[in-house]
Amino acid sequence: MTYEQGRLVYGMQLPIQSQSTIFAEAWEPDARVEDLVEIARTADRSGFAYIANCDHVAIPRRLAGAMGTTWYDPVATLSFLAGVTERVQLLTHVGVVGLRHPLVTAKAYATLDHLSGGRLVLGVGAGHVEEEFDAIGVDFAGRGRVLDETVDALKAALGQEEFPEHHGERYQFSGLGQRPRPAQERVPIWVGGSSPAAVRRAATKGDGWLPQGDPRTELPAQIAKLKQLREAAGVEEPIVIGAIAEPMYIGEPDWDTGKWTLTGKAEALAESLREFKSMGVQQIQVRFRNRSRTELTDQMAAFGAEIAPLLNT
């Protein structure tokens, strides 16, 4: 998949694999593995650039009411779905890579990229659940600095060198070989988050930026800041700029899809989404309101057939 300036592609966060009560649909707790497989295959058939999986190790009781405790492991889930799809990319949105030693992370994701034929996009973020860090023995207060170094270490460990090297403050390794190597010459690393620290990290270290919850009105200023920071850091490589679109429902629903849901005909929805392209966004993450797996896959297929051809006209 290529991400080009002036062209808009689309991906989605998978349902079922994360079931926060904030966004999970009512049918998801009873979903089965075959439901997840069919959703991934529909994305593959319908031109989605990627399917995404989030990352939490364990949820404390104080947050379980809102977040739930269902969070599928990204390596296991994306590896499984790689085997039932052909072309769609496999994104961690986001992997809390600071929870693990970079060599452990690199071993898992290099294998995933190798097995999938080079379809991994490694999205990374600092994390926000303090108890996870405490349980694993990682400094929560210093997680930003840990992530900064982890990204540098992963760039080395996920490259083409069989014996990668990294010499940092927390991690040092050399003379240690890991195979298989990733199928890609360079696994893209997309940085998630919209805080000043996350935007700086994306600008200086990322191949892509995954904003988190920025409304449309604030995105242009964030993108301008990102580009300014990247230029100031002397980074010349292009960066893939993302956005999360509002929930949508293609057609006129006969049920309450929520105050912020975009609804209507394909032409109107495509016109709304093209606004992101005018801001400099290259990939949008879409989400569909739905009451069943069938309704979701129907919405996905309709998006691919009716809206996708209009995104770049």
C-alpha atoms as a PDB file:
ATOM      1  CA  MET A   1       0.000   0.000   0.000  1.00  0.00           C
ATOM      2  CA  THR A   2       1.350   3.416  -0.954  1.00  0.00           C
ATOM      3  CA  TYR A   3       0.438   6.590   0.896  1.00  0.00           C
ATOM      4  CA  GLU A   4       0.727   9.617  -1.356  1.00  0.00           C
ATOM      5  CA  GLN A   5       0.328  13.317  -0.719  1.00  0.00           C
ATOM      6  CA  GLY A   6      -2.949  14.454  -2.244  1.00  0.00           C
ATOM      7  CA  ARG A   7      -4.512  10.992  -2.151  1.00  0.00           C
ATOM      8  CA  LEU A   8      -6.734   9.553   0.569  1.00  0.00           C
ATOM      9  CA  VAL A   9      -6.913   5.905   1.619  1.00  0.00           C
ATOM     10  CA  TYR A  10      -8.937   4.327   4.410  1.00  0.00           C
ATOM     11  CA  GLY A  11      -8.523   1.764   7.168  1.00  0.00           C
ATOM     12  CA  MET A  12     -10.336   0.700  10.312  1.00  0.00           C
ATOM     13  CA  GLN A  13      -9.866  -0.402  13.891  1.00  0.00           C
ATOM     14  CA  LEU A  14     -11.247  -3.913  14.213  1.00  0.00           C
ATOM     15  CA  PRO A  15     -14.236  -4.509  16.472  1.00  0.00           C
ATOM     16  CA  ILE A  16     -14.332  -7.409  18.945  1.00  0.00           C
ATOM     17  CA  GLN A  17     -10.574  -7.257  19.706  1.00  0.00           C
ATOM     18  CA  SER A  18     -11.074  -4.303  22.065  1.00  0.00           C
ATOM     19  CA  GLN A  19     -14.359  -3.850  23.890  1.00  0.00           C
ATOM     20  CA  SER A  20     -14.353  -0.616  25.823  1.00  0.00           C
ATOM     21  CA  THR A  21     -17.905   0.304  26.736  1.00  0.00           C
ATOM     22  CA  ILE A  22     -17.171   3.727  25.257  1.00  0.00           C
ATOM     23  CA  PHE A  23     -17.185   2.430  21.685  1.00  0.00           C
ATOM     24  CA  ALA A  24     -18.027  -1.296  21.482  1.00  0.00           C
ATOM     25  CA  GLU A  25     -21.352  -2.193  19.871  1.00  0.00           C
ATOM     26  CA  ALA A  26     -23.867  -4.265  21.846  1.00  0.00           C
ATOM     27  CA  TRP A  27     -23.320  -7.493  19.851  1.00  0.00           C
ATOM     28  CA  GLU A  28     -19.539  -7.633  20.269  1.00  0.00           C
ATOM     29  CA  PRO A  29     -19.306  -9.384  23.671  1.00  0.00           C
ATOM     30  CA  ASP A  30     -21.046 -12.416  22.141  1.00  0.00           C
ATOM     31  CA  ALA A  31     -19.029 -12.356  18.897  1.00  0.00           C
ATOM     32  CA  ARG A  32     -17.105 -15.417  17.764  1.00  0.00           C
ATOM     33  CA  VAL A  33     -13.786 -15.929  16.030  1.00  0.00           C
ATOM     34  CA  GLU A  34     -15.515 -16.440  12.693  1.00  0.00           C
ATOM     35  CA  ASP A  35     -17.066 -12.975  13.029  1.00  0.00           C
ATOM     36  CA  LEU A  36     -13.628 -11.400  13.360  1.00  0.00           C
ATOM     37  CA  VAL A  37     -12.378 -13.428  10.394  1.00  0.00           C
ATOM     38  CA  GLU A  38     -15.256 -12.337   8.153  1.00  0.00           C
ATOM     39  CA  ILE A  39     -14.756  -8.669   9.088  1.00  0.00           C
ATOM     40  CA  ALA A  40     -11.053  -8.903   8.239  1.00  0.00           C
ATOM     41  CA  ARG A  41     -11.820 -10.626   4.941  1.00  0.00           C
ATOM     42  CA  THR A  42     -14.415  -7.974   4.101  1.00  0.00           C
ATOM     43  CA  ALA A  43     -11.794  -5.279   4.703  1.00  0.00           C
ATOM     44  CA  ASP A  44      -9.411  -7.188   2.457  1.00  0.00           C
ATOM     45  CA  ARG A  45     -11.994  -7.421  -0.339  1.00  0.00           C
ATOM     46  CA  SER A  46     -13.259  -3.853   0.044  1.00  0.00           C
ATOM     47  CA  GLY A  47     -10.004  -1.997  -0.465  1.00  0.00           C
ATOM     48  CA  PHE A  48      -9.207  -1.079   3.135  1.00  0.00           C
ATOM     49  CA  ALA A  49      -5.574  -0.074   3.528  1.00  0.00           C
ATOM     50  CA  TYR A  50      -5.303  -1.656   6.973  1.00  0.00           C
ATOM     51  CA  ILE A  51      -7.052  -3.334   9.856  1.00  0.00           C
ATOM     52  CA  ALA A  52      -5.915  -2.298  13.326  1.00  0.00           C
ATOM     53  CA  ASN A  53      -5.603  -3.916  16.747  1.00  0.00           C
ATOM     54  CA  CYS A  54      -4.954  -2.186  20.081  1.00  0.00           C
ATOM     55  CA  ASP A  55      -2.656  -3.260  22.929  1.00  0.00           C
ATOM     56  CA  HIS A  56      -3.311  -3.648  26.648  1.00  0.00           C
ATOM     57  CA  VAL A  57      -1.803  -6.315  28.880  1.00  0.00           C
ATOM     58  CA  ALA A  58      -4.192  -6.027  31.833  1.00  0.00           C
ATOM     59  CA  ILE A  59      -6.870  -3.568  32.965  1.00  0.00           C
ATOM     60  CA  PRO A  60      -7.139  -2.570  36.654  1.00  0.00           C
ATOM     61  CA  ARG A  61     -10.472  -2.782  38.441  1.00  0.00           C
ATOM     62  CA  ARG A  62     -10.737   1.003  38.683  1.00  0.00           C
ATOM     63  CA  LEU A  63     -10.887   1.253  34.870  1.00  0.00           C
ATOM     64  CA  ALA A  64     -12.624  -2.010  34.008  1.00  0.00           C
ATOM     65  CA  GLY A  65     -16.086  -0.481  34.107  1.00  0.00           C
ATOM     66  CA  ALA A  66     -15.314   1.820  31.180  1.00  0.00           C
ATOM     67  CA  MET A  67     -12.524  -0.015  29.396  1.00  0.00           C
ATOM     68  CA  GLY A  68     -13.618  -3.592  29.927  1.00  0.00           C
ATOM     69  CA  THR A  69     -11.015  -6.324  30.128  1.00  0.00           C
ATOM     70  CA  THR A  70     -11.306  -7.682  26.571  1.00  0.00           C
ATOM     71  CA  TRP A  71      -8.182  -6.571  24.693  1.00  0.00           C
ATOM     72  CA  TYR A  72      -6.778  -9.130  22.260  1.00  0.00           C
ATOM     73  CA  ASP A  73      -3.015  -9.444  21.988  1.00  0.00           C
ATOM     74  CA  PRO A  74      -1.962  -7.629  18.797  1.00  0.00           C
ATOM     75  CA  VAL A  75       0.764 -10.032  17.677  1.00  0.00           C
ATOM     76  CA  ALA A  76      -1.426 -13.111  18.114  1.00  0.00           C
ATOM     77  CA  THR A  77      -4.477 -11.458  16.553  1.00  0.00           C
ATOM     78  CA  LEU A  78      -2.789  -9.842  13.558  1.00  0.00           C
ATOM     79  CA  SER A  79      -0.744 -12.984  12.862  1.00  0.00           C
ATOM     80  CA  PHE A  80      -3.923 -15.056  12.856  1.00  0.00           C
ATOM     81  CA  LEU A  81      -5.712 -12.598  10.564  1.00  0.00           C
ATOM     82  CA  ALA A  82      -2.711 -12.448   8.241  1.00  0.00           C
ATOM     83  CA  GLY A  83      -3.398 -16.092   7.476  1.00  0.00           C
ATOM     84  CA  VAL A  84      -6.977 -15.450   6.352  1.00  0.00           C
ATOM     85  CA  THR A  85      -6.345 -12.271   4.320  1.00  0.00           C
ATOM     86  CA  GLU A  86      -4.171 -11.471   1.324  1.00  0.00           C
ATOM     87  CA  ARG A  87      -3.396  -7.774   0.900  1.00  0.00           C
ATOM     88  CA  VAL A  88      -4.697  -5.625   3.761  1.00  0.00           C
ATOM     89  CA  GLN A  89      -1.996  -4.171   6.025  1.00  0.00           C
ATOM     90  CA  LEU A  90      -1.832  -5.084   9.712  1.00  0.00           C
ATOM     91  CA  LEU A  91      -1.585  -2.086  12.058  1.00  0.00           C
ATOM     92  CA  THR A  92      -1.066  -1.887  15.793  1.00  0.00           C
ATOM     93  CA  HIS A  93      -3.070   1.126  16.905  1.00  0.00           C
ATOM     94  CA  VAL A  94      -1.330   1.371  19.132  1.00  0.00           C
ATOM     95  CA  GLY A  95       1.268  -0.973  20.542  1.00  0.00           C
ATOM     96  CA  VAL A  96       2.534   0.069  23.986  1.00  0.00           C
ATOM     97  CA  VAL A  97       6.018  -1.061  23.032  1.00  0.00           C
ATOM     98  CA  GLY A  98       7.651   0.509  26.089  1.00  0.00           C
ATOM     99  CA  LEU A  99       6.200  -2.314  28.206  1.00  0.00           C
ATOM    100  CA  ARG A 100       8.613  -4.815  26.644  1.00  0.00           C
ATOM    101  CA  HIS A 101      12.303  -5.043  25.835  1.00  0.00           C
ATOM    102  CA  PRO A 102      12.889  -3.962  22.219  1.00  0.00           C
ATOM    103  CA  LEU A 103      14.440  -7.307  21.283  1.00  0.00           C
ATOM    104  CA  VAL A 104      11.359  -9.138  22.539  1.00  0.00           C
ATOM    105  CA  THR A 105       9.122  -6.801  20.578  1.00  0.00           C
ATOM    106  CA  ALA A 106      11.312  -7.064  17.475  1.00  0.00           C
ATOM    107  CA  LYS A 107      11.288 -10.866  17.563  1.00  0.00           C
ATOM    108  CA  ALA A 108       7.481 -10.972  17.602  1.00  0.00           C
ATOM    109  CA  TYR A 109       6.840  -8.289  14.999  1.00  0.00           C
ATOM    110  CA  ALA A 110       9.637  -9.339  12.648  1.00  0.00           C
ATOM    111  CA  THR A 111       8.093 -12.798  12.601  1.00  0.00           C
ATOM    112  CA  LEU A 112       4.647 -11.307  11.934  1.00  0.00           C
ATOM    113  CA  ASP A 113       5.988  -9.213   9.055  1.00  0.00           C
ATOM    114  CA  HIS A 114       7.844 -12.217   7.641  1.00  0.00           C
ATOM    115  CA  LEU A 115       4.801 -14.498   7.811  1.00  0.00           C
ATOM    116  CA  SER A 116       2.439 -11.890   6.358  1.00  0.00           C
ATOM    117  CA  GLY A 117       4.656 -11.062   3.407  1.00  0.00           C
ATOM    118  CA  GLY A 118       5.509  -7.566   4.594  1.00  0.00           C
ATOM    119  CA  ARG A 119       2.140  -6.227   5.710  1.00  0.00           C
ATOM    120  CA  LEU A 120       3.002  -4.895   9.178  1.00  0.00           C
ATOM    121  CA  VAL A 121       2.649  -1.241  10.165  1.00  0.00           C
ATOM    122  CA  LEU A 122       3.877  -0.789  13.733  1.00  0.00           C
ATOM    123  CA  GLY A 123       1.865   1.910  15.462  1.00  0.00           C
ATOM    124  CA  VAL A 124       3.312   2.878  18.840  1.00  0.00           C
ATOM    125  CA  GLY A 125       2.159   4.907  21.819  1.00  0.00           C
ATOM    126  CA  ALA A 126       3.247   5.772  25.334  1.00  0.00           C
ATOM    127  CA  GLY A 127       0.337   4.099  27.157  1.00  0.00           C
ATOM    128  CA  HIS A 128      -1.869   5.499  29.906  1.00  0.00           C
ATOM    129  CA  VAL A 129      -2.655   2.725  32.406  1.00  0.00           C
ATOM    130  CA  GLU A 130      -0.270   3.091  35.339  1.00  0.00           C
ATOM    131  CA  GLU A 131      -1.040  -0.289  36.878  1.00  0.00           C
ATOM    132  CA  GLU A 132       0.097  -2.081  33.711  1.00  0.00           C
ATOM    133  CA  PHE A 133       3.500  -0.460  33.969  1.00  0.00           C
ATOM    134  CA  ASP A 134       3.745  -1.129  37.704  1.00  0.00           C
ATOM    135  CA  ALA A 135       2.894  -4.822  37.290  1.00  0.00           C
ATOM    136  CA  ILE A 136       5.502  -5.323  34.566  1.00  0.00           C
ATOM    137  CA  GLY A 137       8.119  -3.221  36.330  1.00  0.00           C
ATOM    138  CA  VAL A 138       8.384  -0.331  33.863  1.00  0.00           C
ATOM    139  CA  ASP A 139       8.626   3.301  34.946  1.00  0.00           C
ATOM    140  CA  PHE A 140       5.227   4.874  34.246  1.00  0.00           C
ATOM    141  CA  ALA A 141       6.316   8.446  34.939  1.00  0.00           C
ATOM    142  CA  GLY A 142       9.199   8.064  32.507  1.00  0.00           C
ATOM    143  CA  ARG A 143       7.233   6.232  29.815  1.00  0.00           C
ATOM    144  CA  GLY A 144       7.762   8.990  27.260  1.00  0.00           C
ATOM    145  CA  ARG A 145      11.540   8.736  27.509  1.00  0.00           C
ATOM    146  CA  VAL A 146      11.288   4.948  27.460  1.00  0.00           C
ATOM    147  CA  LEU A 147       9.215   5.099  24.274  1.00  0.00           C
ATOM    148  CA  ASP A 148      11.632   7.504  22.599  1.00  0.00           C
ATOM    149  CA  GLU A 149      14.522   5.116  23.103  1.00  0.00           C
ATOM    150  CA  THR A 150      12.412   2.054  22.302  1.00  0.00           C
ATOM    151  CA  VAL A 151      11.521   3.524  18.900  1.00  0.00           C
ATOM    152  CA  ASP A 152      15.212   4.078  18.157  1.00  0.00           C
ATOM    153  CA  ALA A 153      16.036   0.542  19.263  1.00  0.00           C
ATOM    154  CA  LEU A 154      13.206  -0.930  17.170  1.00  0.00           C
ATOM    155  CA  LYS A 155      14.386   0.883  14.064  1.00  0.00           C
ATOM    156  CA  ALA A 156      17.642  -1.016  14.444  1.00  0.00           C
ATOM    157  CA  ALA A 157      16.114  -4.327  15.528  1.00  0.00           C
ATOM    158  CA  LEU A 158      13.487  -4.342  12.748  1.00  0.00           C
ATOM    159  CA  GLY A 159      15.947  -3.463  10.004  1.00  0.00           C
ATOM    160  CA  GLN A 160      17.701  -5.887   7.692  1.00  0.00           C
ATOM    161  CA  GLU A 161      20.749  -6.549   9.863  1.00  0.00           C
ATOM    162  CA  GLU A 162      20.788 -10.040  11.316  1.00  0.00           C
ATOM    163  CA  PHE A 163      22.875  -8.737  14.229  1.00  0.00           C
ATOM    164  CA  PRO A 164      21.386  -5.298  15.010  1.00  0.00           C
ATOM    165  CA  GLU A 165      23.058  -2.829  17.347  1.00  0.00           C
ATOM    166  CA  HIS A 166      21.690  -0.251  19.741  1.00  0.00           C
ATOM    167  CA  HIS A 167      23.537   1.575  22.492  1.00  0.00           C
ATOM    168  CA  GLY A 168      21.193   3.697  24.582  1.00  0.00           C
ATOM    169  CA  GLU A 169      20.528   4.779  28.132  1.00  0.00           C
ATOM    170  CA  ARG A 170      18.254   1.847  28.997  1.00  0.00           C
ATOM    171  CA  TYR A 171      18.932  -0.725  26.298  1.00  0.00           C
ATOM    172  CA  GLN A 172      22.164  -1.947  24.811  1.00  0.00           C
ATOM    173  CA  PHE A 173      22.541  -4.833  22.427  1.00  0.00           C
ATOM    174  CA  SER A 174      24.984  -6.013  19.783  1.00  0.00           C
ATOM    175  CA  GLY A 175      26.268  -9.349  18.535  1.00  0.00           C
ATOM    176  CA  LEU A 176      22.835 -10.945  19.019  1.00  0.00           C
ATOM    177  CA  GLY A 177      21.273 -12.365  15.880  1.00  0.00           C
ATOM    178  CA  GLN A 178      17.557 -12.602  15.172  1.00  0.00           C
ATOM    179  CA  ARG A 179      15.917 -14.399  12.305  1.00  0.00           C
ATOM    180  CA  PRO A 180      13.577 -14.376  10.513  1.00  0.00           C
ATOM    181  CA  ARG A 181      14.087 -10.805   9.384  1.00  0.00           C
ATOM    182  CA  PRO A 182      11.068  -8.701   8.394  1.00  0.00           C
ATOM    183  CA  ALA A 183       9.936  -9.102   4.796  1.00  0.00           C
ATOM    184  CA  GLN A 184       9.952  -5.322   4.417  1.00  0.00           C
ATOM    185  CA  GLU A 185      13.255  -3.538   4.052  1.00  0.00           C
ATOM    186  CA  ARG A 186      11.970  -1.102   6.640  1.00  0.00           C
ATOM    187  CA  VAL A 187       8.940  -1.676   8.853  1.00  0.00           C
ATOM    188  CA  PRO A 188       7.042   1.646   9.037  1.00  0.00           C
ATOM    189  CA  ILE A 189       6.596   3.056  12.526  1.00  0.00           C
ATOM    190  CA  TRP A 190       3.575   5.288  13.053  1.00  0.00           C
ATOM    191  CA  VAL A 191       3.418   7.283  16.290  1.00  0.00           C
ATOM    192  CA  GLY A 192       0.072   7.625  18.032  1.00  0.00           C
ATOM    193  CA  GLY A 193      -1.214  10.435  20.209  1.00  0.00           C
ATOM    194  CA  SER A 194      -2.057  14.128  20.081  1.00  0.00           C
ATOM    195  CA  SER A 195      -0.266  15.522  23.119  1.00  0.00           C
ATOM    196  CA  PRO A 196       2.646  17.900  22.464  1.00  0.00           C
ATOM    197  CA  ALA A 197       5.077  15.094  23.324  1.00  0.00           C
ATOM    198  CA  ALA A 198       3.375  12.660  20.946  1.00  0.00           C
ATOM    199  CA  VAL A 199       3.321  15.171  18.086  1.00  0.00           C
ATOM    200  CA  ARG A 200       7.009  15.894  18.662  1.00  0.00           C
ATOM    201  CA  ARG A 201       7.771  12.173  18.700  1.00  0.00           C
ATOM    202  CA  ALA A 202       5.857  11.625  15.468  1.00  0.00           C
ATOM    203  CA  ALA A 203       7.591  14.568  13.820  1.00  0.00           C
ATOM    204  CA  THR A 204      11.110  13.559  14.765  1.00  0.00           C
ATOM    205  CA  LYS A 205      10.947   9.751  14.833  1.00  0.00           C
ATOM    206  CA  GLY A 206       7.853   8.547  12.980  1.00  0.00           C
ATOM    207  CA  ASP A 207       7.065   7.384   9.477  1.00  0.00           C
ATOM    208  CA  GLY A 208       3.445   8.243  10.217  1.00  0.00           C
ATOM    209  CA  TRP A 209       1.243  10.049  12.729  1.00  0.00           C
ATOM    210  CA  LEU A 210      -1.917   8.588  14.285  1.00  0.00           C
ATOM    211  CA  PRO A 211      -3.783  11.436  15.994  1.00  0.00           C
ATOM    212  CA  GLN A 212      -6.060  10.535  18.866  1.00  0.00           C
ATOM    213  CA  GLY A 213      -9.381  12.296  19.025  1.00  0.00           C
ATOM    214  CA  ASP A 214      -8.491  15.603  17.384  1.00  0.00           C
ATOM    215  CA  PRO A 215     -11.672  17.290  16.069  1.00  0.00           C
ATOM    216  CA  ARG A 216     -11.571  18.471  12.477  1.00  0.00           C
ATOM    217  CA  THR A 217     -11.294  22.090  13.516  1.00  0.00           C
ATOM    218  CA  GLU A 218      -8.026  21.425  15.370  1.00  0.00           C
ATOM    219  CA  LEU A 219      -6.345  19.102  12.877  1.00  0.00           C
ATOM    220  CA  PRO A 220      -4.910  21.775  10.518  1.00  0.00           C
ATOM    221  CA  ALA A 221      -3.023  23.471  13.360  1.00  0.00           C
ATOM    222  CA  GLN A 222      -1.723  20.117  14.629  1.00  0.00           C
ATOM    223  CA  ILE A 223      -0.561  19.142  11.154  1.00  0.00           C
ATOM    224  CA  ALA A 224       1.179  22.491  10.691  1.00  0.00           C
ATOM    225  CA  LYS A 225       2.958  22.029  14.034  1.00  0.00           C
ATOM    226  CA  LEU A 226       3.979  18.495  13.071  1.00  0.00           C
ATOM    227  CA  LYS A 227       5.493  19.659   9.797  1.00  0.00           C
ATOM    228  CA  GLN A 228       7.251  22.563  11.490  1.00  0.00           C
ATOM    229  CA  LEU A 229       8.842  20.258  14.060  1.00  0.00           C
ATOM    230  CA  ARG A 230       9.867  17.756  11.395  1.00  0.00           C
ATOM    231  CA  GLU A 231      11.523  20.420   9.278  1.00  0.00           C
ATOM    232  CA  ALA A 232      13.292  21.887  12.318  1.00  0.00           C
ATOM    233  CA  ALA A 233      14.642  18.422  13.150  1.00  0.00           C
ATOM    234  CA  GLY A 234      16.008  18.068   9.623  1.00  0.00           C
ATOM    235  CA  VAL A 235      13.903  14.983   8.822  1.00  0.00           C
ATOM    236  CA  GLU A 236      13.407  14.931   5.059  1.00  0.00           C
ATOM    237  CA  GLU A 237      11.520  11.657   4.641  1.00  0.00           C
ATOM    238  CA  PRO A 238       7.775  12.048   4.021  1.00  0.00           C
ATOM    239  CA  ILE A 239       5.386  11.260   6.851  1.00  0.00           C
ATOM    240  CA  VAL A 240       1.960   9.623   6.536  1.00  0.00           C
ATOM    241  CA  ILE A 241      -0.586  11.842   8.259  1.00  0.00           C
ATOM    242  CA  GLY A 242      -3.705  10.159   9.564  1.00  0.00           C
ATOM    243  CA  ALA A 243      -7.058  11.175  11.001  1.00  0.00           C
ATOM    244  CA  ILE A 244      -9.949   9.433  12.716  1.00  0.00           C
ATOM    245  CA  ALA A 245     -13.245  10.235  11.012  1.00  0.00           C
ATOM    246  CA  GLU A 246     -16.518  10.564  12.840  1.00  0.00           C
ATOM    247  CA  PRO A 247     -18.635   7.404  13.097  1.00  0.00           C
ATOM    248  CA  MET A 248     -20.774   6.916  10.008  1.00  0.00           C
ATOM    249  CA  TYR A 249     -23.721   5.016   8.630  1.00  0.00           C
ATOM    250  CA  ILE A 250     -24.203   4.781   4.882  1.00  0.00           C
ATOM    251  CA  GLY A 251     -27.836   5.461   4.053  1.00  0.00           C
ATOM    252  CA  GLU A 252     -30.686   6.698   6.233  1.00  0.00           C
ATOM    253  CA  PRO A 253     -30.812   4.621   9.438  1.00  0.00           C
ATOM    254  CA  ASP A 254     -34.139   3.720  11.041  1.00  0.00           C
ATOM    255  CA  TRP A 255     -32.487   3.593  14.467  1.00  0.00           C
ATOM    256  CA  ASP A 256     -30.593   6.029  16.697  1.00  0.00           C
ATOM    257  CA  THR A 257     -26.981   6.017  15.502  1.00  0.00           C
ATOM    258  CA  GLY A 258     -25.881   8.805  17.840  1.00  0.00           C
ATOM    259  CA  LYS A 259     -25.545  12.565  17.705  1.00  0.00           C
ATOM    260  CA  TRP A 260     -22.130  12.692  16.023  1.00  0.00           C
ATOM    261  CA  THR A 261     -22.662   9.993  13.399  1.00  0.00           C
ATOM    262  CA  LEU A 262     -22.392  10.994   9.745  1.00  0.00           C
ATOM    263  CA  THR A 263     -25.299   9.539   7.781  1.00  0.00           C
ATOM    264  CA  GLY A 264     -26.658   9.839   4.262  1.00  0.00           C
ATOM    265  CA  LYS A 265     -25.863   8.964   0.698  1.00  0.00           C
ATOM    266  CA  ALA A 266     -22.412   8.027  -0.540  1.00  0.00           C
ATOM    267  CA  GLU A 267     -21.864  11.302  -2.407  1.00  0.00           C
ATOM    268  CA  ALA A 268     -22.482  13.436   0.681  1.00  0.00           C
ATOM    269  CA  LEU A 269     -20.339  11.246   2.931  1.00  0.00           C
ATOM    270  CA  ALA A 270     -17.486  11.240   0.413  1.00  0.00           C
ATOM    271  CA  GLU A 271     -17.636  15.024   0.178  1.00  0.00           C
ATOM    272  CA  SER A 272     -17.371  15.263   3.942  1.00  0.00           C
ATOM    273  CA  LEU A 273     -14.397  12.882   4.071  1.00  0.00           C
ATOM    274  CA  ARG A 274     -12.574  14.692   1.259  1.00  0.00           C
ATOM    275  CA  GLU A 275     -12.176  17.614   3.665  1.00  0.00           C
ATOM    276  CA  PHE A 276      -9.488  15.577   5.412  1.00  0.00           C
ATOM    277  CA  LYS A 277      -7.513  15.360   2.171  1.00  0.00           C
ATOM    278  CA  SER A 278      -7.566  19.137   1.844  1.00  0.00           C
ATOM    279  CA  MET A 279      -5.917  19.339   5.273  1.00  0.00           C
ATOM    280  CA  GLY A 280      -3.013  17.168   4.139  1.00  0.00           C
ATOM    281  CA  VAL A 281      -4.296  13.867   5.538  1.00  0.00           C
ATOM    282  CA  GLN A 282      -3.375  10.716   3.592  1.00  0.00           C
ATOM    283  CA  GLN A 283      -5.227   8.044   5.534  1.00  0.00           C
ATOM    284  CA  ILE A 284      -8.484   8.133   7.432  1.00  0.00           C
ATOM    285  CA  GLN A 285      -9.611   5.609   9.985  1.00  0.00           C
ATOM    286  CA  VAL A 286     -13.319   4.966   9.573  1.00  0.00           C
ATOM    287  CA  ARG A 287     -15.860   3.444  11.935  1.00  0.00           C
ATOM    288  CA  PHE A 288     -19.397   2.290  11.197  1.00  0.00           C
ATOM    289  CA  ARG A 289     -22.314   2.200  13.608  1.00  0.00           C
ATOM    290  CA  ASN A 290     -23.923  -1.224  13.446  1.00  0.00           C
ATOM    291  CA  ARG A 291     -26.080  -3.720  15.312  1.00  0.00           C
ATOM    292  CA  SER A 292     -24.602  -6.986  14.034  1.00  0.00           C
ATOM    293  CA  ARG A 293     -21.668  -8.427  12.155  1.00  0.00           C
ATOM    294  CA  THR A 294     -23.748  -8.587   9.000  1.00  0.00           C
ATOM    295  CA  GLU A 295     -24.738  -4.936   9.239  1.00  0.00           C
ATOM    296  CA  LEU A 296     -21.096  -3.997   9.791  1.00  0.00           C
ATOM    297  CA  THR A 297     -19.770  -5.987   6.840  1.00  0.00           C
ATOM    298  CA  ASP A 298     -22.572  -4.600   4.663  1.00  0.00           C
ATOM    299  CA  GLN A 299     -21.518  -1.078   5.647  1.00  0.00           C
ATOM    300  CA  MET A 300     -17.860  -1.875   4.933  1.00  0.00           C
ATOM    301  CA  ALA A 301     -18.669  -3.320   1.521  1.00  0.00           C
ATOM    302  CA  ALA A 302     -20.840  -0.320   0.676  1.00  0.00           C
ATOM    303  CA  PHE A 303     -18.036   2.021   1.669  1.00  0.00           C
ATOM    304  CA  GLY A 304     -15.584   0.206  -0.604  1.00  0.00           C
ATOM    305  CA  ALA A 305     -17.995   0.119  -3.533  1.00  0.00           C
ATOM    306  CA  GLU A 306     -19.750   3.475  -3.252  1.00  0.00           C
ATOM    307  CA  ILE A 307     -17.633   5.937  -1.254  1.00  0.00           C
ATOM    308  CA  ALA A 308     -14.035   4.868  -1.899  1.00  0.00           C
ATOM    309  CA  PRO A 309     -14.191   5.669  -5.645  1.00  0.00           C
ATOM    310  CA  LEU A 310     -15.276   9.218  -4.759  1.00  0.00           C
ATOM    311  CA  LEU A 311     -12.555  10.001  -2.205  1.00  0.00           C
ATOM    312  CA  ASN A 312      -9.990  11.069  -4.779  1.00  0.00           C
ATOM    313  CA  THR A 313     -12.126  12.612  -7.497  1.00  0.00           C
END
